[in-house]
Amino acid sequence: MRIKKITAAATALIILAAGVSSCNYEETTPYQQVYDYTAVTELIKTYEDSYREFVKNGEGQVAVVTAEGETPLGAPCSSRYTRSSDGAFESCSLEVTRDIEQHDEYFNISDGLMMFVRSYIDEGIPVIDKYISTGTEVYYVNTETSTMDEVTDVTALDIFVTFDQVRRVYGEDTDTESADLSA
C-alpha cells in the first residue's frame, strides 16, 4: 500500500514540478508559474499520509543526524536530520530561537521540490504555515484564500530553498546514528 501511495505522490510531483498539466498552473508571465492550490494540497496530503504510514508501520532503517547550528540568517537552532534507508523519506526538523520559539521542518518531496513547514504559538494559538519550494520559487500555501501565494522576499523567511542546501548543512555528518523502525 505504501508503494502505491508513493507512486501516486511521485506521479503528482512530476506533473506539478514539470507543469505539464494545464490544471496545475496558470501562466502569469513567460517565466513564472503559479501552482494550483488543490493540486498542491493533495500532493502534501499524499506525502504526509505516506510518511505517517512509513513511521507507523516501522518499515526499515532510518539514519539520524542531530546537531546544534544556525539558520541561513544566523538564528541558533537544534537540528534533527532524518533519512529512510530506501531514500523515500528525507526531512530535517529545526528548533529555532528567534523572538519566539519556532519549529521549522523541511521535507524532500522529490528532486527539485521541497515542502517547508513553520510552526509556532501566536498569542496562545498554534500556527502552522506551509510552503512549497521549486528551488527557484517559494509559494505559501494560503489556507485562508485557498491560493498559492508567491513569496517575493524569501530571505526574510530565513529558510533554505532547496533540500540539497538543507542536506549539506544538517545532513552530511559522519556522526550519524541508525535506528531500526521495525524493532
Protein backbone atom coordinates (compact mmCIF):
# COMPACT_ATOMS: atom_id res chain seq x y z
CA MET A 1 0.00 0.00 0.00
CA ARG A 2 2.86 2.41 0.82
CA ILE A 3 4.34 1.86 -2.64
CA LYS A 4 1.00 2.77 -4.28
CA LYS A 5 0.80 5.99 -2.27
CA ILE A 6 4.40 6.88 -3.01
CA THR A 7 3.83 6.11 -6.71
CA ALA A 8 0.74 8.32 -6.71
CA ALA A 9 2.66 11.07 -4.93
CA ALA A 10 5.57 10.75 -7.35
CA THR A 11 3.23 11.00 -10.33
CA ALA A 12 1.59 14.09 -8.86
CA LEU A 13 5.01 15.57 -8.14
CA ILE A 14 6.20 15.00 -11.69
CA ILE A 15 3.11 16.70 -13.06
CA LEU A 16 3.41 19.54 -10.53
CA ALA A 17 7.14 20.06 -10.96
CA ALA A 18 7.08 19.79 -14.74
CA GLY A 19 3.97 21.90 -15.08
CA VAL A 20 2.75 19.75 -17.98
CA SER A 21 -0.88 19.66 -16.93
CA SER A 22 -2.77 22.86 -17.59
CA CYS A 23 -4.85 22.28 -14.47
CA ASN A 24 -1.74 22.55 -12.31
CA TYR A 25 -0.77 26.11 -13.07
CA GLU A 26 -1.82 29.35 -14.67
CA GLU A 27 0.56 31.21 -16.93
CA THR A 28 1.12 34.69 -15.44
CA THR A 29 4.35 35.63 -17.17
CA PRO A 30 6.51 33.63 -19.57
CA TYR A 31 8.83 32.66 -16.67
CA GLN A 32 6.51 32.37 -13.69
CA GLN A 33 4.10 29.58 -12.78
CA VAL A 34 1.52 29.81 -10.04
CA TYR A 35 0.68 26.31 -8.88
CA ASP A 36 -2.88 25.20 -8.29
CA TYR A 37 -3.85 25.16 -4.61
CA THR A 38 -5.92 21.98 -4.84
CA ALA A 39 -3.17 20.04 -6.63
CA VAL A 40 -0.56 21.16 -4.11
CA THR A 41 -2.70 20.39 -1.04
CA GLU A 42 -3.49 16.93 -2.47
CA LEU A 43 0.23 16.39 -3.07
CA ILE A 44 1.05 17.44 0.51
CA LYS A 45 -1.67 15.18 1.93
CA THR A 46 -0.45 12.19 -0.11
CA TYR A 47 3.13 12.76 1.04
CA GLU A 48 2.14 13.24 4.69
CA ASP A 49 -0.07 10.12 4.62
CA SER A 50 2.76 8.04 3.13
CA TYR A 51 5.25 9.41 5.64
CA ARG A 52 2.87 8.76 8.55
CA GLU A 53 2.27 5.19 7.30
CA PHE A 54 6.03 4.62 6.97
CA VAL A 55 6.60 5.70 10.58
CA LYS A 56 3.54 3.87 11.93
CA ASN A 57 4.44 0.58 10.25
CA GLY A 58 8.06 0.81 11.36
CA GLU A 59 9.38 -0.24 7.98
CA GLY A 60 13.15 -0.28 7.58
CA GLN A 61 16.01 1.76 8.92
CA VAL A 62 16.50 5.49 9.28
CA ALA A 63 19.69 7.48 9.60
CA VAL A 64 19.53 10.36 12.07
CA VAL A 65 21.92 13.28 12.49
CA THR A 66 21.44 15.72 15.38
CA ALA A 67 23.41 18.90 15.81
CA GLU A 68 23.46 22.47 17.06
CA GLY A 69 23.74 25.11 14.37
CA GLU A 70 22.25 28.18 12.75
CA THR A 71 19.61 29.06 10.18
CA PRO A 72 20.69 30.82 6.94
CA LEU A 73 20.43 34.22 8.70
CA GLY A 74 22.21 33.02 11.85
CA ALA A 75 19.40 32.22 14.30
CA PRO A 76 20.55 29.49 16.71
CA CYS A 77 18.87 26.12 16.29
CA SER A 78 18.97 22.43 17.17
CA SER A 79 18.57 20.16 14.16
CA ARG A 80 17.42 16.60 13.60
CA TYR A 81 18.01 15.34 10.05
CA THR A 82 16.35 12.01 9.18
CA ARG A 83 16.62 9.83 6.06
CA SER A 84 15.00 6.45 5.44
CA SER A 85 17.35 3.71 4.25
CA ASP A 86 15.50 3.45 0.94
CA GLY A 87 15.74 7.23 0.42
CA ALA A 88 11.97 7.60 0.03
CA PHE A 89 11.71 9.95 3.01
CA GLU A 90 14.15 12.67 3.99
CA SER A 91 13.44 15.50 6.39
CA CYS A 92 15.05 17.95 8.75
CA SER A 93 13.47 19.48 11.85
CA LEU A 94 14.87 22.62 13.46
CA GLU A 95 14.04 24.05 16.88
CA VAL A 96 14.79 27.71 16.21
CA THR A 97 15.25 30.50 18.73
CA ARG A 98 14.08 33.82 17.35
CA ASP A 99 11.80 36.35 19.06
CA ILE A 100 9.58 33.32 19.72
CA GLU A 101 10.32 29.60 19.67
CA GLN A 102 9.66 28.15 16.21
CA HIS A 103 9.76 24.68 14.80
CA ASP A 104 10.90 24.61 11.14
CA GLU A 105 10.65 21.40 9.12
CA TYR A 106 11.96 20.64 5.65
CA PHE A 107 10.68 17.68 3.63
CA ASN A 108 12.34 16.44 0.45
CA ILE A 109 9.28 15.72 -1.70
CA SER A 110 11.24 14.98 -4.89
CA ASP A 111 14.22 16.24 -6.88
CA GLY A 112 13.64 19.96 -7.12
CA LEU A 113 10.53 20.11 -4.91
CA MET A 114 10.61 20.72 -1.16
CA MET A 115 7.97 21.40 1.46
CA PHE A 116 8.80 23.74 4.34
CA VAL A 117 6.57 23.93 7.44
CA ARG A 118 6.92 26.56 10.18
CA SER A 119 5.04 26.04 13.47
CA TYR A 120 4.80 28.44 16.40
CA ILE A 121 2.41 29.77 19.04
CA ASP A 122 0.89 33.22 18.42
CA GLU A 123 -0.99 34.66 21.42
CA GLY A 124 -1.76 31.15 22.67
CA ILE A 125 -2.92 29.88 19.27
CA PRO A 126 -0.88 27.27 17.35
CA VAL A 127 0.06 28.41 13.83
CA ILE A 128 1.27 26.07 11.08
CA ASP A 129 2.44 27.70 7.84
CA LYS A 130 3.30 25.52 4.85
CA TYR A 131 5.39 26.44 1.83
CA ILE A 132 6.40 24.68 -1.38
CA SER A 133 9.77 25.44 -2.96
CA THR A 134 10.64 24.60 -6.54
CA GLY A 135 14.26 25.60 -5.99
CA THR A 136 13.77 28.92 -7.76
CA GLU A 137 10.38 30.00 -6.40
CA VAL A 138 8.76 29.64 -2.99
CA TYR A 139 4.98 29.56 -2.56
CA TYR A 140 2.98 29.99 0.63
CA VAL A 141 0.08 27.51 0.87
CA ASN A 142 -2.60 30.02 1.89
CA THR A 143 -5.42 28.07 3.56
CA GLU A 144 -7.48 31.21 4.20
CA THR A 145 -7.78 32.10 0.49
CA SER A 146 -7.13 28.61 -0.97
CA THR A 147 -4.32 30.02 -3.11
CA MET A 148 -0.62 29.53 -3.69
CA ASP A 149 0.97 32.90 -2.92
CA GLU A 150 4.44 33.50 -4.32
CA VAL A 151 6.90 34.62 -1.64
CA THR A 152 8.78 37.61 -3.04
CA ASP A 153 11.18 38.07 -0.10
CA VAL A 154 12.45 34.56 0.65
CA THR A 155 15.41 35.95 2.63
CA ALA A 156 13.02 37.40 5.22
CA LEU A 157 11.71 33.88 5.93
CA ASP A 158 15.24 32.76 6.88
CA ILE A 159 14.89 29.42 5.07
CA PHE A 160 16.70 27.23 2.58
CA VAL A 161 15.09 26.96 -0.86
CA THR A 162 16.37 23.51 -1.86
CA PHE A 163 16.69 20.31 0.06
CA ASP A 164 20.27 19.98 -1.22
CA GLN A 165 21.09 23.08 0.86
CA VAL A 166 19.43 21.51 3.93
CA ARG A 167 21.30 18.24 3.39
CA ARG A 168 24.67 19.98 3.04
CA VAL A 169 24.23 21.98 6.25
CA TYR A 170 22.45 19.48 8.53
CA GLY A 171 22.65 16.02 6.97
CA GLU A 172 26.23 15.42 5.91
CA ASP A 173 27.75 14.46 9.23
CA THR A 174 29.98 11.48 9.89
CA ASP A 175 28.45 11.08 13.37
CA THR A 176 25.21 9.52 12.10
CA GLU A 177 23.01 7.27 14.21
CA SER A 178 20.97 4.48 12.65
CA ALA A 179 17.64 3.36 14.02
CA ASP A 180 15.59 0.31 13.11
CA LEU A 181 11.91 1.26 12.97
CA SER A 182 10.80 -2.37 12.91
CA ALA A 183 12.28 -3.07 16.36
